Amino acid sequence: MSFNLHLTVHAIEQLPRKKLKELNISSLNLRIQWIGDGKKHGFFGKRFKRSHTLKQQIQDNGIVQWNEEFEQVVNLKRDNSESFRSWNINLQVRGMDQRMKGKELIFVEAKIDITEYFPADSGMNLRIPVNFKIGDCEAANN
């Protein structure tokens, strides 16, 4: 079964702005890793189109807004007559730690198995809650 997946990355909220300032991190980007049909494709895999957002500034209220769209053809394969094989999307929010000579750090990770939402109505919106840890600050983004 094949369909077009339209993914819109809107924003991440509730970031600990004070801790990010201590780390001298002012912008973040999000990387998408598509893992479908039993194969893992890197963040820059040739099989897929662009798989990352642009870097965006962290606002004073702890929000980063991207509002970027991604399209992917998804080919679901059946595990058995009642379910499909997992088809995952991994998301990572990353930023550069200037104190560590520009080392890129992963602050937030989330994994979505789209088969959990299938069959879905066209135009389904899904808000993904993620947990994150920056230094000694832990929070959840609902």
Protein backbone atom coordinates (compact mmCIF):
# COMPACT_ATOMS: atom_id res chain seq x y z
CA MET A 1 0.00 0.00 0.00
CA SER A 2 1.45 3.34 -1.04
CA PHE A 3 0.50 6.90 -0.11
CA ASN A 4 2.01 10.38 0.11
CA LEU A 5 3.02 11.54 3.57
CA HIS A 6 2.97 15.28 4.12
CA LEU A 7 4.92 16.27 7.23
CA THR A 8 4.83 19.83 8.53
CA VAL A 9 7.29 20.76 11.27
CA HIS A 10 5.76 23.70 13.11
CA ALA A 11 7.63 24.47 16.33
CA ILE A 12 9.10 23.28 19.57
CA GLU A 13 8.07 25.06 22.75
CA GLN A 14 9.08 25.29 26.41
CA LEU A 15 12.82 25.26 25.76
CA PRO A 16 14.91 26.33 28.78
CA ARG A 17 16.18 29.61 27.30
CA LYS A 18 18.48 30.40 30.23
CA LYS A 19 20.30 27.07 29.95
CA LEU A 20 20.65 27.44 26.17
CA LYS A 21 22.17 30.91 26.65
CA GLU A 22 24.68 29.41 29.11
CA LEU A 23 25.68 26.95 26.36
CA ASN A 24 25.83 29.85 23.86
CA ILE A 25 23.20 28.16 21.67
CA SER A 26 20.97 30.61 19.83
CA SER A 27 19.51 28.52 17.00
CA LEU A 28 18.31 24.98 16.38
CA ASN A 29 17.41 22.80 13.43
CA LEU A 30 15.47 19.58 13.13
CA ARG A 31 16.68 16.52 11.24
CA ILE A 32 14.38 13.85 9.90
CA GLN A 33 15.40 10.24 9.40
CA TRP A 34 12.97 8.17 7.35
CA ILE A 35 13.06 4.45 8.21
CA GLY A 36 10.74 2.61 5.88
CA ASP A 37 10.24 -0.75 4.26
CA GLY A 38 12.71 -2.40 6.60
CA LYS A 39 15.60 -0.13 5.56
CA LYS A 40 17.28 2.62 7.49
CA HIS A 41 18.12 5.72 5.52
CA GLY A 42 20.54 8.29 6.89
CA PHE A 43 19.65 11.86 7.61
CA PHE A 44 21.08 12.69 4.20
CA GLY A 45 20.10 9.50 2.38
CA LYS A 46 20.06 9.72 -1.42
CA ARG A 47 16.70 7.96 -1.64
CA PHE A 48 14.86 10.78 0.04
CA LYS A 49 14.52 14.49 -0.50
CA ARG A 50 15.80 17.14 1.90
CA SER A 51 15.64 15.83 5.45
CA HIS A 52 16.31 18.81 7.70
CA THR A 53 14.93 22.21 8.54
CA LEU A 54 16.79 25.47 8.33
CA LYS A 55 18.39 26.75 11.52
CA GLN A 56 16.00 29.04 13.34
CA GLN A 57 16.63 31.41 16.24
CA ILE A 58 15.37 30.51 19.70
CA GLN A 59 12.91 33.19 20.72
CA ASP A 60 13.00 34.81 24.17
CA ASN A 61 9.90 32.79 25.16
CA GLY A 62 11.71 29.46 24.51
CA ILE A 63 10.04 28.71 21.17
CA VAL A 64 11.65 27.82 17.86
CA GLN A 65 9.38 28.05 14.83
CA TRP A 66 10.10 26.36 11.52
CA ASN A 67 6.81 25.89 9.66
CA GLU A 68 8.56 23.81 7.00
CA GLU A 69 6.99 21.04 4.94
CA PHE A 70 8.32 17.68 3.81
CA GLU A 71 6.83 15.13 1.39
CA GLN A 72 7.58 11.44 1.26
CA VAL A 73 6.08 8.47 -0.57
CA VAL A 74 5.39 5.74 1.97
CA ASN A 75 5.16 2.11 0.91
CA LEU A 76 3.63 0.04 3.68
CA LYS A 77 4.15 -3.71 3.67
CA ARG A 78 1.98 -6.14 5.57
CA ASP A 79 3.41 -8.15 8.45
CA ASN A 80 0.31 -10.30 8.45
CA SER A 81 -3.33 -9.95 7.46
CA GLU A 82 -4.02 -7.60 10.40
CA SER A 83 -1.02 -5.28 10.61
CA PHE A 84 1.70 -3.49 8.69
CA ARG A 85 5.46 -3.49 9.23
CA SER A 86 6.70 -0.47 11.16
CA TRP A 87 7.45 2.63 9.12
CA ASN A 88 9.24 5.10 11.36
CA ILE A 89 10.23 8.72 11.30
CA ASN A 90 12.98 9.76 13.72
CA LEU A 91 13.21 13.43 14.64
CA GLN A 92 16.22 15.13 16.24
CA VAL A 93 16.47 18.75 17.32
CA ARG A 94 20.11 19.85 17.14
CA GLY A 95 22.16 22.90 17.99
CA MET A 96 25.82 23.94 17.95
CA ASP A 97 27.62 24.26 21.27
CA GLN A 98 30.09 27.09 20.60
CA ARG A 99 32.11 26.24 23.75
CA MET A 100 32.87 22.80 22.32
CA LYS A 101 34.36 24.11 19.04
CA GLY A 102 31.08 23.96 17.16
CA LYS A 103 30.16 20.40 18.16
CA GLU A 104 26.56 19.64 17.21
CA LEU A 105 24.45 18.43 20.14
CA ILE A 106 21.17 16.52 20.02
CA PHE A 107 18.69 18.05 22.47
CA VAL A 108 15.42 16.42 21.56
CA GLU A 109 14.61 13.07 19.98
CA ALA A 110 11.26 11.61 19.00
CA LYS A 111 10.26 8.52 17.06
CA ILE A 112 6.96 8.11 15.24
CA ASP A 113 5.67 4.84 13.81
CA ILE A 114 3.16 6.04 11.25
CA THR A 115 1.51 2.61 11.07
CA GLU A 116 0.03 3.37 14.51
CA TYR A 117 -2.04 6.10 12.84
CA PHE A 118 -3.05 4.14 9.77
CA PRO A 119 -5.60 4.12 8.29
CA ALA A 120 -5.97 7.81 8.92
CA ASP A 121 -8.28 10.41 7.55
CA SER A 122 -6.77 12.65 4.93
CA GLY A 123 -5.44 15.81 6.50
CA MET A 124 -4.86 14.25 9.93
CA ASN A 125 -2.93 16.55 12.26
CA LEU A 126 -0.76 14.96 14.90
CA ARG A 127 0.95 16.80 17.75
CA ILE A 128 3.97 14.83 18.95
CA PRO A 129 4.90 15.16 22.62
CA VAL A 130 8.65 14.97 23.23
CA ASN A 131 10.87 14.98 26.28
CA PHE A 132 14.18 16.76 26.29
CA LYS A 133 17.18 17.35 28.50
CA ILE A 134 19.55 20.27 28.19
CA GLY A 135 22.28 20.14 30.80
CA ASP A 136 20.47 19.52 34.09
CA CYS A 137 17.13 20.88 32.76
CA GLU A 138 14.50 18.34 31.82
CA ALA A 139 11.13 19.21 30.35
CA ALA A 140 8.33 17.87 28.21
CA ASN A 141 6.88 19.49 25.13
CA ASN A 142 3.24 18.38 24.79
